[in-house]
Amino acid sequence: MPSQFTPDFYKRFYVSPRTRVTTKQEMHRRASAVAAIVRALDVNVARILDAGCGLGWMRAALLEQFPRATYVGLEVSEHLCEQYGWLRASLADYRPRGRFDLIICYDVLQYLPQAQALRALANLGRLSRGALYFHAPTIEDWRRNADRACSDGDIHLRPADWYRTRLHRHFRHAGMGIHVRRGVPLHQWELETC
């Protein structure tokens, strides 16, 4: 398990107003948007996996949108698991019973070295029976989009196509970071997938 996810890490990148990379409100909006798209795609959500859930800032919004769903917060940080009751495991090795209708994998894989990232991506295919929201900063993002003053640079940057190629093995991209498991009906107009 990575040792960098200490209380100081979360204080710096999530709690301190001067150095945080996001806010609880922004994550609530993101989760609400993801849920709206998943509902529009007509994916029934009874089980949610939030892989790398951190402080759990997406949990409330997801359960507001899917009130009958069960939520599993998966996290490698020992202190967060103790504090919030998350399940402590790495996405690369997590083997639960059953699969999930909605998986959130937001800003996780950039922390995994190549072999673990490959295992995690393959595992996402095994764990999913519906939709996946996937986000990871890429080399392209680091050059064009990242605010380096508050972004964690201790990560593995990969090209966007590296992720796309591997996700494409198990999923079809539906837009806005949402991917639908191959075999799940997906009916979209051509320009909705751009």
C-alpha atoms as a PDB file:
ATOM      1  CA  MET A   1       0.000   0.000   0.000  1.00  0.00           C
ATOM      2  CA  PRO A   2       1.374   3.447  -0.874  1.00  0.00           C
ATOM      3  CA  SER A   3       2.665   5.279   2.180  1.00  0.00           C
ATOM      4  CA  GLN A   4       2.209   8.796   0.824  1.00  0.00           C
ATOM      5  CA  PHE A   5      -1.488   8.953   1.758  1.00  0.00           C
ATOM      6  CA  THR A   6      -0.912  10.289   5.258  1.00  0.00           C
ATOM      7  CA  PRO A   7      -3.064  12.786   7.161  1.00  0.00           C
ATOM      8  CA  ASP A   8      -0.717  15.533   5.880  1.00  0.00           C
ATOM      9  CA  PHE A   9      -1.417  14.519   2.270  1.00  0.00           C
ATOM     10  CA  TYR A  10      -5.175  14.973   2.717  1.00  0.00           C
ATOM     11  CA  LYS A  11      -4.728  18.160   4.710  1.00  0.00           C
ATOM     12  CA  ARG A  12      -2.602  19.663   1.926  1.00  0.00           C
ATOM     13  CA  PHE A  13      -4.589  18.565  -1.125  1.00  0.00           C
ATOM     14  CA  TYR A  14      -8.147  18.495   0.258  1.00  0.00           C
ATOM     15  CA  VAL A  15      -8.533  20.482   3.477  1.00  0.00           C
ATOM     16  CA  SER A  16      -6.271  23.550   3.396  1.00  0.00           C
ATOM     17  CA  PRO A  17      -7.963  26.405   1.465  1.00  0.00           C
ATOM     18  CA  ARG A  18      -4.542  27.597   0.247  1.00  0.00           C
ATOM     19  CA  THR A  19      -3.324  24.310  -1.261  1.00  0.00           C
ATOM     20  CA  ARG A  20      -6.366  22.122  -1.937  1.00  0.00           C
ATOM     21  CA  VAL A  21      -7.025  20.847  -5.449  1.00  0.00           C
ATOM     22  CA  THR A  22     -10.801  20.591  -5.079  1.00  0.00           C
ATOM     23  CA  THR A  23     -13.624  21.224  -2.659  1.00  0.00           C
ATOM     24  CA  LYS A  24     -16.399  19.163  -1.157  1.00  0.00           C
ATOM     25  CA  GLN A  25     -18.925  21.234  -3.141  1.00  0.00           C
ATOM     26  CA  GLU A  26     -17.116  20.636  -6.448  1.00  0.00           C
ATOM     27  CA  MET A  27     -17.006  16.888  -5.807  1.00  0.00           C
ATOM     28  CA  HIS A  28     -20.720  16.910  -4.930  1.00  0.00           C
ATOM     29  CA  ARG A  29     -21.468  18.637  -8.270  1.00  0.00           C
ATOM     30  CA  ARG A  30     -19.249  16.162 -10.134  1.00  0.00           C
ATOM     31  CA  ALA A  31     -20.965  13.158  -8.531  1.00  0.00           C
ATOM     32  CA  SER A  32     -24.398  14.625  -9.290  1.00  0.00           C
ATOM     33  CA  ALA A  33     -23.407  15.135 -12.942  1.00  0.00           C
ATOM     34  CA  VAL A  34     -22.073  11.577 -13.192  1.00  0.00           C
ATOM     35  CA  ALA A  35     -25.291  10.220 -11.690  1.00  0.00           C
ATOM     36  CA  ALA A  36     -27.430  12.265 -14.102  1.00  0.00           C
ATOM     37  CA  ILE A  37     -25.538  10.900 -17.111  1.00  0.00           C
ATOM     38  CA  VAL A  38     -25.707   7.324 -15.823  1.00  0.00           C
ATOM     39  CA  ARG A  39     -29.475   7.691 -15.288  1.00  0.00           C
ATOM     40  CA  ALA A  40     -29.845   9.177 -18.793  1.00  0.00           C
ATOM     41  CA  LEU A  41     -28.036   6.119 -20.158  1.00  0.00           C
ATOM     42  CA  ASP A  42     -30.667   3.992 -18.363  1.00  0.00           C
ATOM     43  CA  VAL A  43     -28.152   2.090 -16.241  1.00  0.00           C
ATOM     44  CA  ASN A  44     -29.865   0.677 -13.154  1.00  0.00           C
ATOM     45  CA  VAL A  45     -27.677   1.365 -10.110  1.00  0.00           C
ATOM     46  CA  ALA A  46     -28.055  -0.870  -7.067  1.00  0.00           C
ATOM     47  CA  ARG A  47     -24.358  -1.189  -6.106  1.00  0.00           C
ATOM     48  CA  ILE A  48     -21.726   1.571  -6.168  1.00  0.00           C
ATOM     49  CA  LEU A  49     -17.959   1.206  -5.773  1.00  0.00           C
ATOM     50  CA  ASP A  50     -16.006   4.389  -5.089  1.00  0.00           C
ATOM     51  CA  ALA A  51     -12.455   3.178  -5.739  1.00  0.00           C
ATOM     52  CA  GLY A  52      -9.986   5.506  -4.056  1.00  0.00           C
ATOM     53  CA  CYS A  53     -12.787   7.350  -2.278  1.00  0.00           C
ATOM     54  CA  GLY A  54     -10.486   9.453  -0.090  1.00  0.00           C
ATOM     55  CA  LEU A  55     -12.614  11.658   2.155  1.00  0.00           C
ATOM     56  CA  GLY A  56     -15.783  10.262   0.567  1.00  0.00           C
ATOM     57  CA  TRP A  57     -16.920  13.573  -0.886  1.00  0.00           C
ATOM     58  CA  MET A  58     -18.885  11.901  -3.701  1.00  0.00           C
ATOM     59  CA  ARG A  59     -20.780   9.534  -1.420  1.00  0.00           C
ATOM     60  CA  ALA A  60     -23.635  11.823  -0.328  1.00  0.00           C
ATOM     61  CA  ALA A  61     -24.452  12.999  -3.853  1.00  0.00           C
ATOM     62  CA  LEU A  62     -24.336   9.483  -5.257  1.00  0.00           C
ATOM     63  CA  LEU A  63     -26.672   8.166  -2.567  1.00  0.00           C
ATOM     64  CA  GLU A  64     -29.006  11.154  -3.048  1.00  0.00           C
ATOM     65  CA  GLN A  65     -29.311  10.206  -6.714  1.00  0.00           C
ATOM     66  CA  PHE A  66     -29.451   6.452  -6.069  1.00  0.00           C
ATOM     67  CA  PRO A  67     -31.080   6.206  -2.604  1.00  0.00           C
ATOM     68  CA  ARG A  68     -31.624   2.445  -2.757  1.00  0.00           C
ATOM     69  CA  ALA A  69     -28.040   1.675  -3.766  1.00  0.00           C
ATOM     70  CA  THR A  70     -25.369   0.302  -1.497  1.00  0.00           C
ATOM     71  CA  TYR A  71     -22.054   2.169  -1.433  1.00  0.00           C
ATOM     72  CA  VAL A  72     -18.600   0.677  -0.941  1.00  0.00           C
ATOM     73  CA  GLY A  73     -15.757   3.098  -0.297  1.00  0.00           C
ATOM     74  CA  LEU A  74     -12.426   1.523  -1.238  1.00  0.00           C
ATOM     75  CA  GLU A  75      -9.259   3.228  -0.017  1.00  0.00           C
ATOM     76  CA  VAL A  76      -5.583   2.437   0.609  1.00  0.00           C
ATOM     77  CA  SER A  77      -5.086   5.049   3.331  1.00  0.00           C
ATOM     78  CA  GLU A  78      -5.099   3.281   6.666  1.00  0.00           C
ATOM     79  CA  HIS A  79      -6.069   6.363   8.662  1.00  0.00           C
ATOM     80  CA  LEU A  80      -9.003   7.204   6.344  1.00  0.00           C
ATOM     81  CA  CYS A  81     -10.284   3.638   6.579  1.00  0.00           C
ATOM     82  CA  GLU A  82     -10.168   3.878  10.355  1.00  0.00           C
ATOM     83  CA  GLN A  83     -11.765   7.327  10.383  1.00  0.00           C
ATOM     84  CA  TYR A  84     -14.549   6.750   7.856  1.00  0.00           C
ATOM     85  CA  GLY A  85     -14.997   2.982   7.835  1.00  0.00           C
ATOM     86  CA  TRP A  86     -13.839   2.482   4.243  1.00  0.00           C
ATOM     87  CA  LEU A  87     -12.678  -0.899   3.042  1.00  0.00           C
ATOM     88  CA  ARG A  88      -8.882  -0.949   2.897  1.00  0.00           C
ATOM     89  CA  ALA A  89      -7.610  -2.432  -0.364  1.00  0.00           C
ATOM     90  CA  SER A  90      -5.936  -1.517  -3.617  1.00  0.00           C
ATOM     91  CA  LEU A  91      -7.992  -1.445  -6.799  1.00  0.00           C
ATOM     92  CA  ALA A  92      -5.258  -3.549  -8.401  1.00  0.00           C
ATOM     93  CA  ASP A  93      -5.995  -6.465  -6.042  1.00  0.00           C
ATOM     94  CA  TYR A  94      -9.583  -5.985  -4.833  1.00  0.00           C
ATOM     95  CA  ARG A  95     -11.677  -9.151  -5.324  1.00  0.00           C
ATOM     96  CA  PRO A  96     -15.169  -8.788  -3.830  1.00  0.00           C
ATOM     97  CA  ARG A  97     -18.148 -11.035  -4.254  1.00  0.00           C
ATOM     98  CA  GLY A  98     -20.364  -9.701  -6.981  1.00  0.00           C
ATOM     99  CA  ARG A  99     -19.992  -6.776  -9.340  1.00  0.00           C
ATOM    100  CA  PHE A 100     -20.975  -3.112  -9.325  1.00  0.00           C
ATOM    101  CA  ASP A 101     -23.456  -1.117 -11.392  1.00  0.00           C
ATOM    102  CA  LEU A 102     -21.516   2.130 -11.003  1.00  0.00           C
ATOM    103  CA  ILE A 103     -17.813   2.443 -10.322  1.00  0.00           C
ATOM    104  CA  ILE A 104     -16.158   5.753  -9.558  1.00  0.00           C
ATOM    105  CA  CYS A 105     -12.412   5.786 -10.216  1.00  0.00           C
ATOM    106  CA  TYR A 106     -11.447   9.437  -9.857  1.00  0.00           C
ATOM    107  CA  ASP A 107      -7.781  10.437  -9.682  1.00  0.00           C
ATOM    108  CA  VAL A 108      -6.482   7.040  -8.576  1.00  0.00           C
ATOM    109  CA  LEU A 109      -4.466   5.342 -11.308  1.00  0.00           C
ATOM    110  CA  GLN A 110      -1.845   8.077 -11.592  1.00  0.00           C
ATOM    111  CA  TYR A 111      -0.582   6.938  -8.183  1.00  0.00           C
ATOM    112  CA  LEU A 112      -0.042   3.351  -9.325  1.00  0.00           C
ATOM    113  CA  PRO A 113       3.127   2.162 -11.061  1.00  0.00           C
ATOM    114  CA  GLN A 114       2.686   0.552 -14.469  1.00  0.00           C
ATOM    115  CA  ALA A 115       2.106  -3.075 -13.423  1.00  0.00           C
ATOM    116  CA  GLN A 116      -0.412  -2.142 -10.722  1.00  0.00           C
ATOM    117  CA  ALA A 117      -2.185   0.313 -13.026  1.00  0.00           C
ATOM    118  CA  LEU A 118      -2.575  -2.425 -15.638  1.00  0.00           C
ATOM    119  CA  ARG A 119      -4.009  -4.806 -13.025  1.00  0.00           C
ATOM    120  CA  ALA A 120      -6.370  -2.094 -11.771  1.00  0.00           C
ATOM    121  CA  LEU A 121      -7.675  -1.375 -15.279  1.00  0.00           C
ATOM    122  CA  ALA A 122      -8.263  -5.077 -15.920  1.00  0.00           C
ATOM    123  CA  ASN A 123      -9.959  -5.320 -12.531  1.00  0.00           C
ATOM    124  CA  LEU A 124     -12.322  -2.472 -13.428  1.00  0.00           C
ATOM    125  CA  GLY A 125     -13.518  -4.652 -16.304  1.00  0.00           C
ATOM    126  CA  ARG A 126     -14.090  -7.584 -13.940  1.00  0.00           C
ATOM    127  CA  LEU A 127     -15.816  -5.495 -11.276  1.00  0.00           C
ATOM    128  CA  SER A 128     -18.233  -3.657 -13.573  1.00  0.00           C
ATOM    129  CA  ARG A 129     -21.642  -4.738 -14.766  1.00  0.00           C
ATOM    130  CA  GLY A 130     -22.764  -1.230 -15.735  1.00  0.00           C
ATOM    131  CA  ALA A 131     -21.069   2.156 -15.824  1.00  0.00           C
ATOM    132  CA  LEU A 132     -17.649   3.485 -14.882  1.00  0.00           C
ATOM    133  CA  TYR A 133     -16.696   7.093 -14.243  1.00  0.00           C
ATOM    134  CA  PHE A 134     -12.959   7.276 -14.883  1.00  0.00           C
ATOM    135  CA  HIS A 135     -10.593  10.202 -14.522  1.00  0.00           C
ATOM    136  CA  ALA A 136      -6.813  10.413 -14.219  1.00  0.00           C
ATOM    137  CA  PRO A 137      -4.491  13.280 -15.088  1.00  0.00           C
ATOM    138  CA  THR A 138      -2.520  12.567 -18.237  1.00  0.00           C
ATOM    139  CA  ILE A 139       0.696  13.906 -19.715  1.00  0.00           C
ATOM    140  CA  GLU A 140      -1.455  16.151 -21.872  1.00  0.00           C
ATOM    141  CA  ASP A 141      -3.343  17.441 -18.810  1.00  0.00           C
ATOM    142  CA  TRP A 142      -0.101  18.108 -16.968  1.00  0.00           C
ATOM    143  CA  ARG A 143       1.127  20.240 -19.868  1.00  0.00           C
ATOM    144  CA  ARG A 144      -2.117  22.124 -20.562  1.00  0.00           C
ATOM    145  CA  ASN A 145      -4.586  21.918 -17.674  1.00  0.00           C
ATOM    146  CA  ALA A 146      -2.979  21.199 -14.307  1.00  0.00           C
ATOM    147  CA  ASP A 147      -2.395  23.985 -11.834  1.00  0.00           C
ATOM    148  CA  ARG A 148       1.047  22.862 -10.731  1.00  0.00           C
ATOM    149  CA  ALA A 149       0.990  25.196  -7.754  1.00  0.00           C
ATOM    150  CA  CYS A 150      -1.531  22.910  -6.033  1.00  0.00           C
ATOM    151  CA  SER A 151      -1.363  19.639  -8.006  1.00  0.00           C
ATOM    152  CA  ASP A 152       0.473  16.622  -6.661  1.00  0.00           C
ATOM    153  CA  GLY A 153       3.466  16.031  -8.929  1.00  0.00           C
ATOM    154  CA  ASP A 154       4.426  12.737  -7.275  1.00  0.00           C
ATOM    155  CA  ILE A 155       2.453  10.716  -9.827  1.00  0.00           C
ATOM    156  CA  HIS A 156       2.883   8.501 -12.881  1.00  0.00           C
ATOM    157  CA  LEU A 157       1.903  10.518 -15.936  1.00  0.00           C
ATOM    158  CA  ARG A 158       0.740   8.542 -18.954  1.00  0.00           C
ATOM    159  CA  PRO A 159      -0.649   9.602 -22.328  1.00  0.00           C
ATOM    160  CA  ALA A 160      -4.440   9.764 -22.590  1.00  0.00           C
ATOM    161  CA  ASP A 161      -4.353   7.097 -25.308  1.00  0.00           C
ATOM    162  CA  TRP A 162      -2.657   4.694 -22.888  1.00  0.00           C
ATOM    163  CA  TYR A 163      -5.800   4.812 -20.716  1.00  0.00           C
ATOM    164  CA  ARG A 164      -8.245   4.906 -23.649  1.00  0.00           C
ATOM    165  CA  THR A 165      -6.750   1.799 -25.265  1.00  0.00           C
ATOM    166  CA  ARG A 166      -6.981  -0.228 -22.076  1.00  0.00           C
ATOM    167  CA  LEU A 167     -10.449   0.993 -21.086  1.00  0.00           C
ATOM    168  CA  HIS A 168     -11.700   0.191 -24.599  1.00  0.00           C
ATOM    169  CA  ARG A 169     -11.059  -3.532 -23.965  1.00  0.00           C
ATOM    170  CA  HIS A 170     -13.957  -3.688 -21.495  1.00  0.00           C
ATOM    171  CA  PHE A 171     -15.923  -0.464 -21.987  1.00  0.00           C
ATOM    172  CA  ARG A 172     -17.460   1.859 -24.537  1.00  0.00           C
ATOM    173  CA  HIS A 173     -16.944   5.553 -23.914  1.00  0.00           C
ATOM    174  CA  ALA A 174     -20.245   7.385 -23.504  1.00  0.00           C
ATOM    175  CA  GLY A 175     -18.783  10.876 -22.998  1.00  0.00           C
ATOM    176  CA  MET A 176     -17.789  13.075 -20.031  1.00  0.00           C
ATOM    177  CA  GLY A 177     -15.594  10.344 -18.520  1.00  0.00           C
ATOM    178  CA  ILE A 178     -18.455   7.838 -18.399  1.00  0.00           C
ATOM    179  CA  HIS A 179     -17.788   4.382 -19.826  1.00  0.00           C
ATOM    180  CA  VAL A 180     -20.342   1.596 -20.191  1.00  0.00           C
ATOM    181  CA  ARG A 181     -19.390  -2.058 -19.831  1.00  0.00           C
ATOM    182  CA  ARG A 182     -19.361  -3.903 -23.143  1.00  0.00           C
ATOM    183  CA  GLY A 183     -22.517  -5.998 -23.409  1.00  0.00           C
ATOM    184  CA  VAL A 184     -24.667  -3.424 -21.608  1.00  0.00           C
ATOM    185  CA  PRO A 185     -27.152  -1.815 -24.027  1.00  0.00           C
ATOM    186  CA  LEU A 186     -26.056   1.697 -24.956  1.00  0.00           C
ATOM    187  CA  HIS A 187     -28.052   3.774 -27.396  1.00  0.00           C
ATOM    188  CA  GLN A 188     -26.591   7.169 -28.205  1.00  0.00           C
ATOM    189  CA  TRP A 189     -26.637   9.606 -31.045  1.00  0.00           C
ATOM    190  CA  GLU A 190     -23.289   9.917 -32.808  1.00  0.00           C
ATOM    191  CA  LEU A 191     -22.422  13.398 -31.528  1.00  0.00           C
ATOM    192  CA  GLU A 192     -23.195  12.461 -27.907  1.00  0.00           C
ATOM    193  CA  THR A 193     -20.014  10.385 -27.713  1.00  0.00           C
ATOM    194  CA  CYS A 194     -17.568  13.118 -28.757  1.00  0.00           C
END
